[in-house]
């Protein structure tokens, strides 16, 4: 919760999974998969990943580093497809 909640609050994050926290000596390392809008640019995904990393480290100063894997949000893709289909049905 100390990792997921701050990450989920970052604008542009649509889902989180595969959170791993490892302790090496006195250091904590986090690995986290972050789901974003599949239609954004790589540069925008990069900005979101840095915002997630910064937010986690601000909330948890004992964390040494955060590795973010950016993935397309399948739920968002499915929602957009349903909305697109509904709008097509309304037009007909």
Protein backbone atom coordinates (compact mmCIF):
# COMPACT_ATOMS: atom_id res chain seq x y z
CA UNK A 1 0.00 0.00 0.00
CA UNK A 2 2.90 2.35 0.73
CA UNK A 3 3.99 1.91 -2.89
CA UNK A 4 0.74 1.35 -4.78
CA UNK A 5 -1.34 4.21 -3.40
CA UNK A 6 1.12 7.00 -4.33
CA UNK A 7 1.65 5.41 -7.76
CA UNK A 8 -2.09 5.12 -8.43
CA UNK A 9 -2.56 8.83 -7.69
CA UNK A 10 -0.26 9.94 -10.53
CA UNK A 11 -2.11 11.49 -13.47
CA UNK A 12 -2.10 9.16 -16.47
CA UNK A 13 -1.87 5.90 -14.48
CA UNK A 14 -4.78 3.59 -15.33
CA UNK A 15 -3.63 0.46 -13.52
CA UNK A 16 -0.85 -1.16 -11.53
CA UNK A 17 0.31 -4.74 -11.19
CA UNK A 18 3.34 -6.94 -10.50
CA UNK A 19 4.69 -4.85 -7.66
CA UNK A 20 7.86 -6.29 -6.19
CA UNK A 21 9.89 -4.84 -3.35
CA UNK A 22 13.34 -6.26 -2.71
CA UNK A 23 15.66 -5.57 0.19
CA UNK A 24 19.39 -5.60 -0.46
CA UNK A 25 21.32 -4.81 2.69
CA UNK A 26 19.67 -1.66 4.03
CA UNK A 27 18.32 -0.62 0.62
CA UNK A 28 14.83 -1.20 -0.80
CA UNK A 29 14.26 -1.56 -4.54
CA UNK A 30 10.82 -1.48 -6.17
CA UNK A 31 9.76 -2.94 -9.52
CA UNK A 32 6.28 -1.99 -10.73
CA UNK A 33 4.23 -2.38 -13.91
CA UNK A 34 2.23 0.77 -14.72
CA UNK A 35 -0.66 0.77 -17.20
CA UNK A 36 -1.11 3.90 -19.31
CA UNK A 37 -3.30 5.00 -22.22
CA UNK A 38 -2.07 2.98 -25.22
CA UNK A 39 -2.57 6.02 -27.45
CA UNK A 40 0.03 8.22 -25.78
CA UNK A 41 3.55 8.77 -27.07
CA UNK A 42 6.63 7.04 -25.71
CA UNK A 43 7.74 10.43 -24.40
CA UNK A 44 4.48 10.84 -22.46
CA UNK A 45 4.84 7.32 -21.04
CA UNK A 46 8.36 8.22 -19.96
CA UNK A 47 7.11 11.35 -18.17
CA UNK A 48 4.44 9.32 -16.36
CA UNK A 49 6.98 6.69 -15.30
CA UNK A 50 9.25 9.35 -13.82
CA UNK A 51 6.31 10.94 -12.01
CA UNK A 52 5.43 7.55 -10.50
CA UNK A 53 9.03 6.92 -9.47
CA UNK A 54 9.36 10.38 -7.90
CA UNK A 55 6.02 10.09 -6.08
CA UNK A 56 6.90 6.69 -4.61
CA UNK A 57 10.31 7.89 -3.42
CA UNK A 58 8.87 11.09 -1.90
CA UNK A 59 6.31 9.05 0.05
CA UNK A 60 8.90 6.39 1.00
CA UNK A 61 12.37 7.91 1.48
CA UNK A 62 13.75 4.49 2.48
CA UNK A 63 13.31 3.29 -1.13
CA UNK A 64 16.61 3.52 -3.00
CA UNK A 65 15.33 3.03 -6.55
CA UNK A 66 12.15 2.29 -8.52
CA UNK A 67 12.07 0.45 -11.84
CA UNK A 68 8.89 1.12 -13.84
CA UNK A 69 7.63 -1.04 -16.70
CA UNK A 70 5.16 0.99 -18.82
CA UNK A 71 2.39 -1.09 -20.40
CA UNK A 72 -0.75 -0.25 -22.41
CA UNK A 73 -3.92 -0.40 -20.36
CA UNK A 74 -6.06 -3.18 -21.80
CA UNK A 75 -9.06 -2.04 -19.75
CA UNK A 76 -8.81 1.45 -21.23
CA UNK A 77 -8.48 0.00 -24.73
CA UNK A 78 -11.58 -2.15 -24.18
CA UNK A 79 -13.56 0.78 -22.76
CA UNK A 80 -12.63 2.98 -25.73
CA UNK A 81 -13.64 0.20 -28.13
CA UNK A 82 -17.03 -0.20 -26.41
CA UNK A 83 -17.64 3.55 -26.46
CA UNK A 84 -16.62 3.74 -30.09
CA UNK A 85 -18.99 0.89 -30.94
CA UNK A 86 -21.84 2.52 -29.00
CA UNK A 87 -21.31 5.81 -30.84
CA UNK A 88 -21.36 3.97 -34.16
CA UNK A 89 -24.63 2.28 -33.19
CA UNK A 90 -26.16 5.65 -32.24
CA UNK A 91 -25.14 7.16 -35.59
CA UNK A 92 -26.99 4.39 -37.47
